């Protein structure tokens, strides 16, 4: 489970530990810029990534790695965000952004430290 989402839900008195409901409540929070909808993305390690927008939840599967492939999980969340934003600034779909985030996190946890070598091979 996403510790951060659960901690946020507790701090906001959402009254639930259901990540889907937490995501719905986050995406429904008021915004200053009302011209665009708020989305919520909840990562869950090797469990599916949740995208919540307009009250709809979309799950993105995460292919599990074997225990011997996992070297260091530090930086996995940052790598996810980096992959997501790399596609978002190119105005790609949220689906592509999330898939790239998953790809980046998967690459990072297979190395010691938050490092990457070589040429990225992400394909949308």
PDB file of N, CA and C in Angstrom:
ATOM      1  N   UNK A   1       0.826  -1.195   0.000  1.00  0.00           N
ATOM      2  CA  UNK A   1       0.000   0.000   0.000  1.00  0.00           C
ATOM      3  C   UNK A   1       0.866   1.253   0.000  1.00  0.00           C
ATOM      4  N   UNK A   2       0.314   2.288  -0.504  1.00  0.00           N
ATOM      5  CA  UNK A   2       1.029   3.554  -0.558  1.00  0.00           C
ATOM      6  C   UNK A   2       0.979   4.245   0.808  1.00  0.00           C
ATOM      7  N   UNK A   3       2.116   4.245   1.489  1.00  0.00           N
ATOM      8  CA  UNK A   3       2.186   4.877   2.812  1.00  0.00           C
ATOM      9  C   UNK A   3       1.853   6.360   2.734  1.00  0.00           C
ATOM     10  N   UNK A   4       2.320   7.016   1.673  1.00  0.00           N
ATOM     11  CA  UNK A   4       2.093   8.460   1.539  1.00  0.00           C
ATOM     12  C   UNK A   4       0.607   8.766   1.378  1.00  0.00           C
ATOM     13  N   UNK A   5      -0.087   7.997   0.556  1.00  0.00           N
ATOM     14  CA  UNK A   5      -1.516   8.224   0.346  1.00  0.00           C
ATOM     15  C   UNK A   5      -2.291   7.975   1.639  1.00  0.00           C
ATOM     16  N   UNK A   6      -1.906   6.941   2.362  1.00  0.00           N
ATOM     17  CA  UNK A   6      -2.582   6.648   3.633  1.00  0.00           C
ATOM     18  C   UNK A   6      -2.330   7.752   4.658  1.00  0.00           C
ATOM     19  N   UNK A   7      -1.105   8.245   4.728  1.00  0.00           N
ATOM     20  CA  UNK A   7      -0.783   9.330   5.658  1.00  0.00           C
ATOM     21  C   UNK A   7      -1.544  10.598   5.288  1.00  0.00           C
ATOM     22  N   UNK A   8      -1.639  10.901   3.993  1.00  0.00           N
ATOM     23  CA  UNK A   8      -2.378  12.077   3.545  1.00  0.00           C
ATOM     24  C   UNK A   8      -3.859  11.943   3.900  1.00  0.00           C
ATOM     25  N   UNK A   9      -4.419  10.758   3.661  1.00  0.00           N
ATOM     26  CA  UNK A   9      -5.833  10.517   3.975  1.00  0.00           C
ATOM     27  C   UNK A   9      -6.095  10.694   5.472  1.00  0.00           C
ATOM     28  N   UNK A  10      -5.174  10.231   6.287  1.00  0.00           N
ATOM     29  CA  UNK A  10      -5.336  10.387   7.736  1.00  0.00           C
ATOM     30  C   UNK A  10      -5.259  11.862   8.126  1.00  0.00           C
ATOM     31  N   UNK A  11      -4.296  12.589   7.560  1.00  0.00           N
ATOM     32  CA  UNK A  11      -4.141  14.015   7.878  1.00  0.00           C
ATOM     33  C   UNK A  11      -5.348  14.835   7.422  1.00  0.00           C
ATOM     34  N   UNK A  12      -5.989  14.394   6.340  1.00  0.00           N
ATOM     35  CA  UNK A  12      -7.144  15.117   5.798  1.00  0.00           C
ATOM     36  C   UNK A  12      -8.469  14.615   6.376  1.00  0.00           C
ATOM     37  N   UNK A  13      -8.387  13.638   7.291  1.00  0.00           N
ATOM     38  CA  UNK A  13      -9.583  13.049   7.902  1.00  0.00           C
ATOM     39  C   UNK A  13     -10.534  12.469   6.856  1.00  0.00           C
ATOM     40  N   UNK A  14      -9.992  11.759   5.880  1.00  0.00           N
ATOM     41  CA  UNK A  14     -10.824  11.145   4.849  1.00  0.00           C
ATOM     42  C   UNK A  14     -11.648   9.979   5.396  1.00  0.00           C
ATOM     43  N   UNK A  15     -11.207   9.380   6.495  1.00  0.00           N
ATOM     44  CA  UNK A  15     -11.975   8.301   7.109  1.00  0.00           C
ATOM     45  C   UNK A  15     -11.963   6.991   6.334  1.00  0.00           C
ATOM     46  N   UNK A  16     -10.904   6.756   5.559  1.00  0.00           N
ATOM     47  CA  UNK A  16     -10.806   5.506   4.809  1.00  0.00           C
ATOM     48  C   UNK A  16      -9.344   5.154   4.572  1.00  0.00           C
ATOM     49  N   UNK A  17      -9.103   3.867   4.412  1.00  0.00           N
ATOM     50  CA  UNK A  17      -7.782   3.389   4.012  1.00  0.00           C
ATOM     51  C   UNK A  17      -7.837   2.757   2.626  1.00  0.00           C
ATOM     52  N   UNK A  18      -8.992   2.857   1.972  1.00  0.00           N
ATOM     53  CA  UNK A  18      -9.167   2.330   0.619  1.00  0.00           C
ATOM     54  C   UNK A  18      -8.497   3.286  -0.364  1.00  0.00           C
ATOM     55  N   UNK A  19      -7.446   2.809  -1.028  1.00  0.00           N
ATOM     56  CA  UNK A  19      -6.671   3.684  -1.910  1.00  0.00           C
ATOM     57  C   UNK A  19      -7.497   4.235  -3.062  1.00  0.00           C
ATOM     58  N   UNK A  20      -8.455   3.496  -3.541  1.00  0.00           N
ATOM     59  CA  UNK A  20      -9.325   3.987  -4.616  1.00  0.00           C
ATOM     60  C   UNK A  20     -10.166   5.166  -4.114  1.00  0.00           C
ATOM     61  N   UNK A  21     -10.715   5.012  -2.936  1.00  0.00           N
ATOM     62  CA  UNK A  21     -11.527   6.093  -2.358  1.00  0.00           C
ATOM     63  C   UNK A  21     -10.656   7.299  -2.018  1.00  0.00           C
ATOM     64  N   UNK A  22      -9.475   7.050  -1.504  1.00  0.00           N
ATOM     65  CA  UNK A  22      -8.540   8.143  -1.214  1.00  0.00           C
ATOM     66  C   UNK A  22      -8.234   8.901  -2.503  1.00  0.00           C
ATOM     67  N   UNK A  23      -7.960   8.180  -3.575  1.00  0.00           N
ATOM     68  CA  UNK A  23      -7.695   8.814  -4.863  1.00  0.00           C
ATOM     69  C   UNK A  23      -8.857   9.650  -5.349  1.00  0.00           C
ATOM     70  N   UNK A  24     -10.067   9.135  -5.199  1.00  0.00           N
ATOM     71  CA  UNK A  24     -11.260   9.901  -5.591  1.00  0.00           C
ATOM     72  C   UNK A  24     -11.369  11.189  -4.780  1.00  0.00           C
ATOM     73  N   UNK A  25     -11.117  11.077  -3.481  1.00  0.00           N
ATOM     74  CA  UNK A  25     -11.218  12.258  -2.624  1.00  0.00           C
ATOM     75  C   UNK A  25     -10.130  13.276  -2.952  1.00  0.00           C
ATOM     76  N   UNK A  26      -8.931  12.808  -3.244  1.00  0.00           N
ATOM     77  CA  UNK A  26      -7.845  13.719  -3.624  1.00  0.00           C
ATOM     78  C   UNK A  26      -8.202  14.439  -4.920  1.00  0.00           C
ATOM     79  N   UNK A  27      -8.685  13.690  -5.906  1.00  0.00           N
ATOM     80  CA  UNK A  27      -8.983  14.303  -7.199  1.00  0.00           C
ATOM     81  C   UNK A  27     -10.162  15.268  -7.125  1.00  0.00           C
ATOM     82  N   UNK A  28     -10.968  15.151  -6.083  1.00  0.00           N
ATOM     83  CA  UNK A  28     -12.126  16.043  -5.927  1.00  0.00           C
ATOM     84  C   UNK A  28     -11.809  17.274  -5.074  1.00  0.00           C
ATOM     85  N   UNK A  29     -10.597  17.364  -4.539  1.00  0.00           N
ATOM     86  CA  UNK A  29     -10.245  18.531  -3.728  1.00  0.00           C
ATOM     87  C   UNK A  29     -10.318  19.802  -4.574  1.00  0.00           C
ATOM     88  N   UNK A  30     -10.683  20.914  -3.950  1.00  0.00           N
ATOM     89  CA  UNK A  30     -10.784  22.171  -4.713  1.00  0.00           C
ATOM     90  C   UNK A  30      -9.433  22.611  -5.254  1.00  0.00           C
ATOM     91  N   UNK A  31      -9.484  23.318  -6.376  1.00  0.00           N
ATOM     92  CA  UNK A  31      -8.276  23.830  -7.026  1.00  0.00           C
ATOM     93  C   UNK A  31      -8.439  25.315  -7.274  1.00  0.00           C
ATOM     94  N   UNK A  32      -7.320  25.995  -7.321  1.00  0.00           N
ATOM     95  CA  UNK A  32      -7.346  27.403  -7.683  1.00  0.00           C
ATOM     96  C   UNK A  32      -7.636  27.562  -9.170  1.00  0.00           C
ATOM     97  N   UNK A  33      -6.959  26.765  -9.995  1.00  0.00           N
ATOM     98  CA  UNK A  33      -7.174  26.798 -11.443  1.00  0.00           C
ATOM     99  C   UNK A  33      -8.251  25.775 -11.785  1.00  0.00           C
ATOM    100  N   UNK A  34      -9.465  26.221 -11.937  1.00  0.00           N
ATOM    101  CA  UNK A  34     -10.568  25.297 -12.199  1.00  0.00           C
ATOM    102  C   UNK A  34     -10.747  24.988 -13.683  1.00  0.00           C
ATOM    103  N   UNK A  35      -9.873  25.536 -14.538  1.00  0.00           N
ATOM    104  CA  UNK A  35     -10.012  25.283 -15.971  1.00  0.00           C
ATOM    105  C   UNK A  35      -9.534  23.874 -16.347  1.00  0.00           C
ATOM    106  N   UNK A  36      -8.772  23.252 -15.453  1.00  0.00           N
ATOM    107  CA  UNK A  36      -8.321  21.875 -15.678  1.00  0.00           C
ATOM    108  C   UNK A  36      -8.713  21.032 -14.486  1.00  0.00           C
ATOM    109  N   UNK A  37      -9.007  19.768 -14.759  1.00  0.00           N
ATOM    110  CA  UNK A  37      -9.366  18.860 -13.674  1.00  0.00           C
ATOM    111  C   UNK A  37      -8.129  18.464 -12.878  1.00  0.00           C
ATOM    112  N   UNK A  38      -8.344  18.129 -11.627  1.00  0.00           N
ATOM    113  CA  UNK A  38      -7.273  17.566 -10.802  1.00  0.00           C
ATOM    114  C   UNK A  38      -7.243  16.070 -11.045  1.00  0.00           C
ATOM    115  N   UNK A  39      -6.058  15.527 -11.145  1.00  0.00           N
ATOM    116  CA  UNK A  39      -5.902  14.079 -11.224  1.00  0.00           C
ATOM    117  C   UNK A  39      -5.121  13.628  -9.999  1.00  0.00           C
ATOM    118  N   UNK A  40      -5.260  12.370  -9.676  1.00  0.00           N
ATOM    119  CA  UNK A  40      -4.476  11.772  -8.598  1.00  0.00           C
ATOM    120  C   UNK A  40      -3.842  10.501  -9.155  1.00  0.00           C
ATOM    121  N   UNK A  41      -2.595  10.301  -8.805  1.00  0.00           N
ATOM    122  CA  UNK A  41      -1.876   9.088  -9.199  1.00  0.00           C
ATOM    123  C   UNK A  41      -1.316   8.475  -7.934  1.00  0.00           C
ATOM    124  N   UNK A  42      -1.633   7.212  -7.722  1.00  0.00           N
ATOM    125  CA  UNK A  42      -1.151   6.507  -6.537  1.00  0.00           C
ATOM    126  C   UNK A  42      -0.364   5.290  -6.997  1.00  0.00           C
ATOM    127  N   UNK A  43       0.915   5.262  -6.631  1.00  0.00           N
ATOM    128  CA  UNK A  43       1.754   4.101  -6.924  1.00  0.00           C
ATOM    129  C   UNK A  43       1.701   3.167  -5.719  1.00  0.00           C
ATOM    130  N   UNK A  44       1.897   1.884  -5.993  1.00  0.00           N
ATOM    131  CA  UNK A  44       1.777   0.875  -4.939  1.00  0.00           C
ATOM    132  C   UNK A  44       2.854  -0.197  -5.059  1.00  0.00           C
ATOM    133  N   UNK A  45       4.069   0.216  -5.360  1.00  0.00           N
ATOM    134  CA  UNK A  45       5.126  -0.777  -5.519  1.00  0.00           C
ATOM    135  C   UNK A  45       4.846  -1.669  -6.705  1.00  0.00           C
ATOM    136  N   UNK A  46       4.761  -2.971  -6.477  1.00  0.00           N
ATOM    137  CA  UNK A  46       4.518  -3.903  -7.580  1.00  0.00           C
ATOM    138  C   UNK A  46       3.033  -4.097  -7.882  1.00  0.00           C
ATOM    139  N   UNK A  47       2.164  -3.452  -7.110  1.00  0.00           N
ATOM    140  CA  UNK A  47       0.730  -3.481  -7.403  1.00  0.00           C
ATOM    141  C   UNK A  47       0.419  -2.386  -8.422  1.00  0.00           C
ATOM    142  N   UNK A  48      -0.737  -2.458  -9.068  1.00  0.00           N
ATOM    143  CA  UNK A  48      -1.047  -1.498 -10.132  1.00  0.00           C
ATOM    144  C   UNK A  48      -0.995  -0.039  -9.683  1.00  0.00           C
ATOM    145  N   UNK A  49      -0.570   0.818 -10.612  1.00  0.00           N
ATOM    146  CA  UNK A  49      -0.617   2.264 -10.409  1.00  0.00           C
ATOM    147  C   UNK A  49      -2.053   2.695 -10.677  1.00  0.00           C
ATOM    148  N   UNK A  50      -2.582   3.561  -9.811  1.00  0.00           N
ATOM    149  CA  UNK A  50      -3.941   4.049  -9.967  1.00  0.00           C
ATOM    150  C   UNK A  50      -3.931   5.470 -10.505  1.00  0.00           C
ATOM    151  N   UNK A  51      -4.697   5.702 -11.567  1.00  0.00           N
ATOM    152  CA  UNK A  51      -4.921   7.038 -12.098  1.00  0.00           C
ATOM    153  C   UNK A  51      -6.380   7.362 -11.853  1.00  0.00           C
ATOM    154  N   UNK A  52      -6.624   8.449 -11.126  1.00  0.00           N
ATOM    155  CA  UNK A  52      -7.983   8.857 -10.818  1.00  0.00           C
ATOM    156  C   UNK A  52      -8.224  10.229 -11.424  1.00  0.00           C
ATOM    157  N   UNK A  53      -9.215  10.315 -12.306  1.00  0.00           N
ATOM    158  CA  UNK A  53      -9.589  11.595 -12.905  1.00  0.00           C
ATOM    159  C   UNK A  53     -11.075  11.558 -13.224  1.00  0.00           C
ATOM    160  N   UNK A  54     -11.726  12.644 -12.949  1.00  0.00           N
ATOM    161  CA  UNK A  54     -13.180  12.740 -13.157  1.00  0.00           C
ATOM    162  C   UNK A  54     -13.939  11.598 -12.490  1.00  0.00           C
ATOM    163  N   UNK A  55     -13.462  11.135 -11.338  1.00  0.00           N
ATOM    164  CA  UNK A  55     -14.137  10.067 -10.616  1.00  0.00           C
ATOM    165  C   UNK A  55     -13.902   8.676 -11.184  1.00  0.00           C
ATOM    166  N   UNK A  56     -13.153   8.580 -12.271  1.00  0.00           N
ATOM    167  CA  UNK A  56     -12.876   7.296 -12.903  1.00  0.00           C
ATOM    168  C   UNK A  56     -11.484   6.816 -12.510  1.00  0.00           C
ATOM    169  N   UNK A  57     -11.383   5.541 -12.209  1.00  0.00           N
ATOM    170  CA  UNK A  57     -10.099   4.953 -11.818  1.00  0.00           C
ATOM    171  C   UNK A  57      -9.625   4.029 -12.929  1.00  0.00           C
ATOM    172  N   UNK A  58      -8.391   4.255 -13.346  1.00  0.00           N
ATOM    173  CA  UNK A  58      -7.746   3.386 -14.330  1.00  0.00           C
ATOM    174  C   UNK A  58      -6.536   2.765 -13.655  1.00  0.00           C
ATOM    175  N   UNK A  59      -6.386   1.461 -13.815  1.00  0.00           N
ATOM    176  CA  UNK A  59      -5.255   0.740 -13.245  1.00  0.00           C
ATOM    177  C   UNK A  59      -4.228   0.433 -14.325  1.00  0.00           C
ATOM    178  N   UNK A  60      -2.963   0.596 -13.969  1.00  0.00           N
ATOM    179  CA  UNK A  60      -1.855   0.289 -14.861  1.00  0.00           C
ATOM    180  C   UNK A  60      -1.029  -0.803 -14.209  1.00  0.00           C
ATOM    181  N   UNK A  61      -0.977  -1.975 -14.822  1.00  0.00           N
ATOM    182  CA  UNK A  61      -0.238  -3.081 -14.206  1.00  0.00           C
ATOM    183  C   UNK A  61       1.256  -2.797 -14.130  1.00  0.00           C
ATOM    184  N   UNK A  62       1.858  -3.352 -13.102  1.00  0.00           N
ATOM    185  CA  UNK A  62       3.302  -3.255 -12.904  1.00  0.00           C
ATOM    186  C   UNK A  62       3.840  -4.679 -12.933  1.00  0.00           C
ATOM    187  N   UNK A  63       4.708  -4.943 -13.888  1.00  0.00           N
ATOM    188  CA  UNK A  63       5.286  -6.277 -13.988  1.00  0.00           C
ATOM    189  C   UNK A  63       6.249  -6.489 -12.825  1.00  0.00           C
ATOM    190  N   UNK A  64       5.999  -7.530 -12.055  1.00  0.00           N
ATOM    191  CA  UNK A  64       6.832  -7.807 -10.887  1.00  0.00           C
ATOM    192  C   UNK A  64       8.202  -8.320 -11.312  1.00  0.00           C
ATOM    193  N   UNK A  65       9.194  -7.855 -10.597  1.00  0.00           N
ATOM    194  CA  UNK A  65      10.552  -8.351 -10.777  1.00  0.00           C
ATOM    195  C   UNK A  65      10.792  -9.464  -9.763  1.00  0.00           C
ATOM    196  N   UNK A  66      11.692 -10.363 -10.080  1.00  0.00           N
ATOM    197  CA  UNK A  66      12.060 -11.395  -9.113  1.00  0.00           C
ATOM    198  C   UNK A  66      12.906 -10.735  -8.024  1.00  0.00           C
ATOM    199  N   UNK A  67      12.947 -11.352  -6.869  1.00  0.00           N
ATOM    200  CA  UNK A  67      13.678 -10.794  -5.728  1.00  0.00           C
ATOM    201  C   UNK A  67      15.143 -10.533  -6.064  1.00  0.00           C
ATOM    202  N   UNK A  68      15.749 -11.381  -6.875  1.00  0.00           N
ATOM    203  CA  UNK A  68      17.164 -11.192  -7.193  1.00  0.00           C
ATOM    204  C   UNK A  68      17.393 -10.040  -8.182  1.00  0.00           C
ATOM    205  N   UNK A  69      16.353  -9.559  -8.844  1.00  0.00           N
ATOM    206  CA  UNK A  69      16.477  -8.423  -9.755  1.00  0.00           C
ATOM    207  C   UNK A  69      16.394  -7.081  -9.020  1.00  0.00           C
ATOM    208  N   UNK A  70      15.805  -7.097  -7.832  1.00  0.00           N
ATOM    209  CA  UNK A  70      15.631  -5.863  -7.069  1.00  0.00           C
ATOM    210  C   UNK A  70      16.894  -5.613  -6.257  1.00  0.00           C
ATOM    211  N   UNK A  71      17.584  -4.518  -6.587  1.00  0.00           N
ATOM    212  CA  UNK A  71      18.855  -4.197  -5.946  1.00  0.00           C
ATOM    213  C   UNK A  71      18.678  -3.110  -4.893  1.00  0.00           C
ATOM    214  N   UNK A  72      17.950  -2.033  -5.226  1.00  0.00           N
ATOM    215  CA  UNK A  72      17.825  -0.878  -4.337  1.00  0.00           C
ATOM    216  C   UNK A  72      16.553  -0.111  -4.709  1.00  0.00           C
ATOM    217  N   UNK A  73      15.610  -0.039  -3.789  1.00  0.00           N
ATOM    218  CA  UNK A  73      14.343   0.646  -4.093  1.00  0.00           C
ATOM    219  C   UNK A  73      14.400   2.151  -3.820  1.00  0.00           C
ATOM    220  N   UNK A  74      15.502   2.630  -3.244  1.00  0.00           N
ATOM    221  CA  UNK A  74      15.646   4.075  -3.037  1.00  0.00           C
ATOM    222  C   UNK A  74      15.613   4.779  -4.394  1.00  0.00           C
ATOM    223  N   UNK A  75      14.817   5.790  -4.509  1.00  0.00           N
ATOM    224  CA  UNK A  75      14.736   6.560  -5.747  1.00  0.00           C
ATOM    225  C   UNK A  75      13.670   6.075  -6.703  1.00  0.00           C
ATOM    226  N   UNK A  76      12.977   4.996  -6.379  1.00  0.00           N
ATOM    227  CA  UNK A  76      11.953   4.464  -7.292  1.00  0.00           C
ATOM    228  C   UNK A  76      10.835   5.482  -7.524  1.00  0.00           C
ATOM    229  N   UNK A  77      10.394   6.123  -6.458  1.00  0.00           N
ATOM    230  CA  UNK A  77       9.331   7.125  -6.602  1.00  0.00           C
ATOM    231  C   UNK A  77       9.788   8.324  -7.409  1.00  0.00           C
ATOM    232  N   UNK A  78      11.006   8.774  -7.141  1.00  0.00           N
ATOM    233  CA  UNK A  78      11.556   9.899  -7.910  1.00  0.00           C
ATOM    234  C   UNK A  78      11.706   9.525  -9.378  1.00  0.00           C
ATOM    235  N   UNK A  79      12.137   8.294  -9.637  1.00  0.00           N
ATOM    236  CA  UNK A  79      12.280   7.842 -11.019  1.00  0.00           C
ATOM    237  C   UNK A  79      10.922   7.796 -11.713  1.00  0.00           C
ATOM    238  N   UNK A  80       9.897   7.340 -10.979  1.00  0.00           N
ATOM    239  CA  UNK A  80       8.542   7.320 -11.545  1.00  0.00           C
ATOM    240  C   UNK A  80       8.133   8.731 -11.953  1.00  0.00           C
ATOM    241  N   UNK A  81       8.322   9.676 -11.045  1.00  0.00           N
ATOM    242  CA  UNK A  81       7.957  11.067 -11.335  1.00  0.00           C
ATOM    243  C   UNK A  81       8.748  11.598 -12.528  1.00  0.00           C
ATOM    244  N   UNK A  82      10.038  11.300 -12.581  1.00  0.00           N
ATOM    245  CA  UNK A  82      10.871  11.753 -13.692  1.00  0.00           C
ATOM    246  C   UNK A  82      10.384  11.208 -15.023  1.00  0.00           C
ATOM    247  N   UNK A  83      10.085   9.918 -15.062  1.00  0.00           N
ATOM    248  CA  UNK A  83       9.569   9.315 -16.295  1.00  0.00           C
ATOM    249  C   UNK A  83       8.225   9.904 -16.684  1.00  0.00           C
ATOM    250  N   UNK A  84       7.357  10.083 -15.703  1.00  0.00           N
ATOM    251  CA  UNK A  84       6.033  10.670 -15.941  1.00  0.00           C
ATOM    252  C   UNK A  84       6.177  12.077 -16.523  1.00  0.00           C
ATOM    253  N   UNK A  85       6.977  12.915 -15.858  1.00  0.00           N
ATOM    254  CA  UNK A  85       7.122  14.308 -16.300  1.00  0.00           C
ATOM    255  C   UNK A  85       7.826  14.426 -17.649  1.00  0.00           C
ATOM    256  N   UNK A  86       8.756  13.507 -17.937  1.00  0.00           N
ATOM    257  CA  UNK A  86       9.445  13.530 -19.224  1.00  0.00           C
ATOM    258  C   UNK A  86       8.453  13.400 -20.379  1.00  0.00           C
ATOM    259  N   UNK A  87       7.400  12.643 -20.156  1.00  0.00           N
ATOM    260  CA  UNK A  87       6.367  12.488 -21.192  1.00  0.00           C
ATOM    261  C   UNK A  87       5.330  13.614 -21.130  1.00  0.00           C
ATOM    262  N   UNK A  88       5.008  14.066 -19.924  1.00  0.00           N
ATOM    263  CA  UNK A  88       4.008  15.127 -19.768  1.00  0.00           C
ATOM    264  C   UNK A  88       4.441  16.416 -20.460  1.00  0.00           C
ATOM    265  N   UNK A  89       5.724  16.774 -20.337  1.00  0.00           N
ATOM    266  CA  UNK A  89       6.200  18.009 -20.975  1.00  0.00           C
ATOM    267  C   UNK A  89       6.180  17.891 -22.502  1.00  0.00           C
ATOM    268  N   UNK A  90       6.102  16.663 -23.004  1.00  0.00           N
ATOM    269  CA  UNK A  90       5.973  16.452 -24.443  1.00  0.00           C
ATOM    270  C   UNK A  90       4.508  16.331 -24.862  1.00  0.00           C
ATOM    271  N   UNK A  91       3.622  16.609 -23.881  1.00  0.00           N
ATOM    272  CA  UNK A  91       2.169  16.598 -24.089  1.00  0.00           C
ATOM    273  C   UNK A  91       1.646  15.223 -24.502  1.00  0.00           C
ATOM    274  N   UNK A  92       2.258  14.183 -23.948  1.00  0.00           N
ATOM    275  CA  UNK A  92       1.789  12.818 -24.184  1.00  0.00           C
ATOM    276  C   UNK A  92       0.585  12.541 -23.290  1.00  0.00           C
ATOM    277  N   UNK A  93      -0.131  11.478 -23.578  1.00  0.00           N
ATOM    278  CA  UNK A  93      -1.306  11.105 -22.787  1.00  0.00           C
ATOM    279  C   UNK A  93      -0.888  10.683 -21.382  1.00  0.00           C
ATOM    280  N   UNK A  94      -1.835  10.746 -20.456  1.00  0.00           N
ATOM    281  CA  UNK A  94      -1.551  10.277 -19.098  1.00  0.00           C
ATOM    282  C   UNK A  94      -1.157   8.807 -19.118  1.00  0.00           C
ATOM    283  N   UNK A  95      -1.767   8.017 -20.012  1.00  0.00           N
ATOM    284  CA  UNK A  95      -1.415   6.606 -20.109  1.00  0.00           C
ATOM    285  C   UNK A  95       0.075   6.448 -20.415  1.00  0.00           C
ATOM    286  N   UNK A  96       0.561   7.199 -21.399  1.00  0.00           N
ATOM    287  CA  UNK A  96       1.977   7.132 -21.767  1.00  0.00           C
ATOM    288  C   UNK A  96       2.852   7.640 -20.630  1.00  0.00           C
ATOM    289  N   UNK A  97       2.437   8.724 -19.980  1.00  0.00           N
ATOM    290  CA  UNK A  97       3.202   9.277 -18.859  1.00  0.00           C
ATOM    291  C   UNK A  97       3.377   8.242 -17.750  1.00  0.00           C
ATOM    292  N   UNK A  98       2.298   7.564 -17.406  1.00  0.00           N
ATOM    293  CA  UNK A  98       2.349   6.571 -16.330  1.00  0.00           C
ATOM    294  C   UNK A  98       3.187   5.368 -16.754  1.00  0.00           C
ATOM    295  N   UNK A  99       3.026   4.921 -17.982  1.00  0.00           N
ATOM    296  CA  UNK A  99       3.820   3.782 -18.456  1.00  0.00           C
ATOM    297  C   UNK A  99       5.310   4.105 -18.430  1.00  0.00           C
ATOM    298  N   UNK A 100       5.675   5.342 -18.762  1.00  0.00           N
ATOM    299  CA  UNK A 100       7.081   5.735 -18.709  1.00  0.00           C
ATOM    300  C   UNK A 100       7.551   5.827 -17.256  1.00  0.00           C
ATOM    301  N   UNK A 101       6.691   6.297 -16.365  1.00  0.00           N
ATOM    302  CA  UNK A 101       7.027   6.329 -14.946  1.00  0.00           C
ATOM    303  C   UNK A 101       7.313   4.939 -14.405  1.00  0.00           C
ATOM    304  N   UNK A 102       6.469   3.997 -14.781  1.00  0.00           N
ATOM    305  CA  UNK A 102       6.676   2.602 -14.363  1.00  0.00           C
ATOM    306  C   UNK A 102       7.988   2.080 -14.941  1.00  0.00           C
ATOM    307  N   UNK A 103       8.230   2.361 -16.215  1.00  0.00           N
ATOM    308  CA  UNK A 103       9.471   1.929 -16.871  1.00  0.00           C
ATOM    309  C   UNK A 103      10.689   2.474 -16.121  1.00  0.00           C
ATOM    310  N   UNK A 104      10.672   3.771 -15.802  1.00  0.00           N
ATOM    311  CA  UNK A 104      11.816   4.404 -15.140  1.00  0.00           C
ATOM    312  C   UNK A 104      12.044   3.812 -13.748  1.00  0.00           C
ATOM    313  N   UNK A 105      10.976   3.650 -12.974  1.00  0.00           N
ATOM    314  CA  UNK A 105      11.111   3.083 -11.627  1.00  0.00           C
ATOM    315  C   UNK A 105      11.656   1.658 -11.696  1.00  0.00           C
ATOM    316  N   UNK A 106      11.171   0.907 -12.656  1.00  0.00           N
ATOM    317  CA  UNK A 106      11.621  -0.479 -12.833  1.00  0.00           C
ATOM    318  C   UNK A 106      13.122  -0.539 -13.143  1.00  0.00           C
ATOM    319  N   UNK A 107      13.595   0.376 -13.967  1.00  0.00           N
ATOM    320  CA  UNK A 107      15.023   0.413 -14.305  1.00  0.00           C
ATOM    321  C   UNK A 107      15.868   0.772 -13.081  1.00  0.00           C
ATOM    322  N   UNK A 108      15.420   1.764 -12.330  1.00  0.00           N
ATOM    323  CA  UNK A 108      16.194   2.280 -11.198  1.00  0.00           C
ATOM    324  C   UNK A 108      16.350   1.245 -10.089  1.00  0.00           C
ATOM    325  N   UNK A 109      15.295   0.491  -9.796  1.00  0.00           N
ATOM    326  CA  UNK A 109      15.388  -0.446  -8.668  1.00  0.00           C
ATOM    327  C   UNK A 109      16.280  -1.652  -8.980  1.00  0.00           C
ATOM    328  N   UNK A 110      16.701  -1.775 -10.224  1.00  0.00           N
ATOM    329  CA  UNK A 110      17.593  -2.869 -10.580  1.00  0.00           C
ATOM    330  C   UNK A 110      19.068  -2.483 -10.489  1.00  0.00           C
ATOM    331  N   UNK A 111      19.338  -1.277  -9.961  1.00  0.00           N
ATOM    332  CA  UNK A 111      20.706  -0.777  -9.835  1.00  0.00           C
ATOM    333  C   UNK A 111      20.922  -0.249  -8.419  1.00  0.00           C
ATOM    334  N   UNK A 112      22.149  -0.176  -8.007  1.00  0.00           N
ATOM    335  CA  UNK A 112      22.483   0.400  -6.709  1.00  0.00           C
ATOM    336  C   UNK A 112      22.521   1.919  -6.838  1.00  0.00           C
ATOM    337  N   UNK A 113      21.798   2.596  -5.978  1.00  0.00           N
ATOM    338  CA  UNK A 113      21.704   4.046  -6.053  1.00  0.00           C
ATOM    339  C   UNK A 113      20.764   4.442  -7.178  1.00  0.00           C
ATOM    340  N   UNK A 114      20.427   5.681  -7.229  1.00  0.00           N
ATOM    341  CA  UNK A 114      19.508   6.171  -8.264  1.00  0.00           C
ATOM    342  C   UNK A 114      20.331   6.552  -9.490  1.00  0.00           C
ATOM    343  N   UNK A 115      20.714   5.520 -10.268  1.00  0.00           N
ATOM    344  CA  UNK A 115      21.598   5.732 -11.417  1.00  0.00           C
ATOM    345  C   UNK A 115      21.016   5.066 -12.657  1.00  0.00           C
ATOM    346  N   UNK A 116      21.464   5.554 -13.791  1.00  0.00           N
ATOM    347  CA  UNK A 116      21.052   4.968 -15.064  1.00  0.00           C
ATOM    348  C   UNK A 116      22.214   5.064 -16.033  1.00  0.00           C
ATOM    349  N   UNK A 117      22.447   4.017 -16.765  1.00  0.00           N
ATOM    350  CA  UNK A 117      23.490   4.025 -17.792  1.00  0.00           C
ATOM    351  C   UNK A 117      22.873   3.627 -19.121  1.00  0.00           C
ATOM    352  N   UNK A 118      23.493   4.078 -20.190  1.00  0.00           N
ATOM    353  CA  UNK A 118      23.056   3.672 -21.504  1.00  0.00           C
ATOM    354  C   UNK A 118      22.020   4.614 -22.107  1.00  0.00           C
ATOM    355  N   UNK A 119      21.368   4.130 -23.126  1.00  0.00           N
ATOM    356  CA  UNK A 119      20.363   4.899 -23.840  1.00  0.00           C
ATOM    357  C   UNK A 119      18.994   4.385 -23.422  1.00  0.00           C
ATOM    358  N   UNK A 120      18.084   5.262 -22.996  1.00  0.00           N
ATOM    359  CA  UNK A 120      16.754   4.802 -22.596  1.00  0.00           C
ATOM    360  C   UNK A 120      16.059   4.086 -23.752  1.00  0.00           C
ATOM    361  N   UNK A 121      15.368   2.987 -23.428  1.00  0.00           N
ATOM    362  CA  UNK A 121      14.680   2.225 -24.466  1.00  0.00           C
ATOM    363  C   UNK A 121      13.165   2.216 -24.266  1.00  0.00           C
ATOM    364  N   UNK A 122      12.639   3.256 -23.594  1.00  0.00           N
ATOM    365  CA  UNK A 122      11.188   3.353 -23.385  1.00  0.00           C
ATOM    366  C   UNK A 122      10.482   3.566 -24.710  1.00  0.00           C
ATOM    367  N   UNK A 123       9.430   2.786 -24.925  1.00  0.00           N
ATOM    368  CA  UNK A 123       8.584   2.963 -26.097  1.00  0.00           C
ATOM    369  C   UNK A 123       7.152   3.112 -25.637  1.00  0.00           C
ATOM    370  N   UNK A 124       6.490   4.155 -26.091  1.00  0.00           N
ATOM    371  CA  UNK A 124       5.116   4.439 -25.682  1.00  0.00           C
ATOM    372  C   UNK A 124       4.151   3.412 -26.212  1.00  0.00           C
TER     373      UNK A 124
END
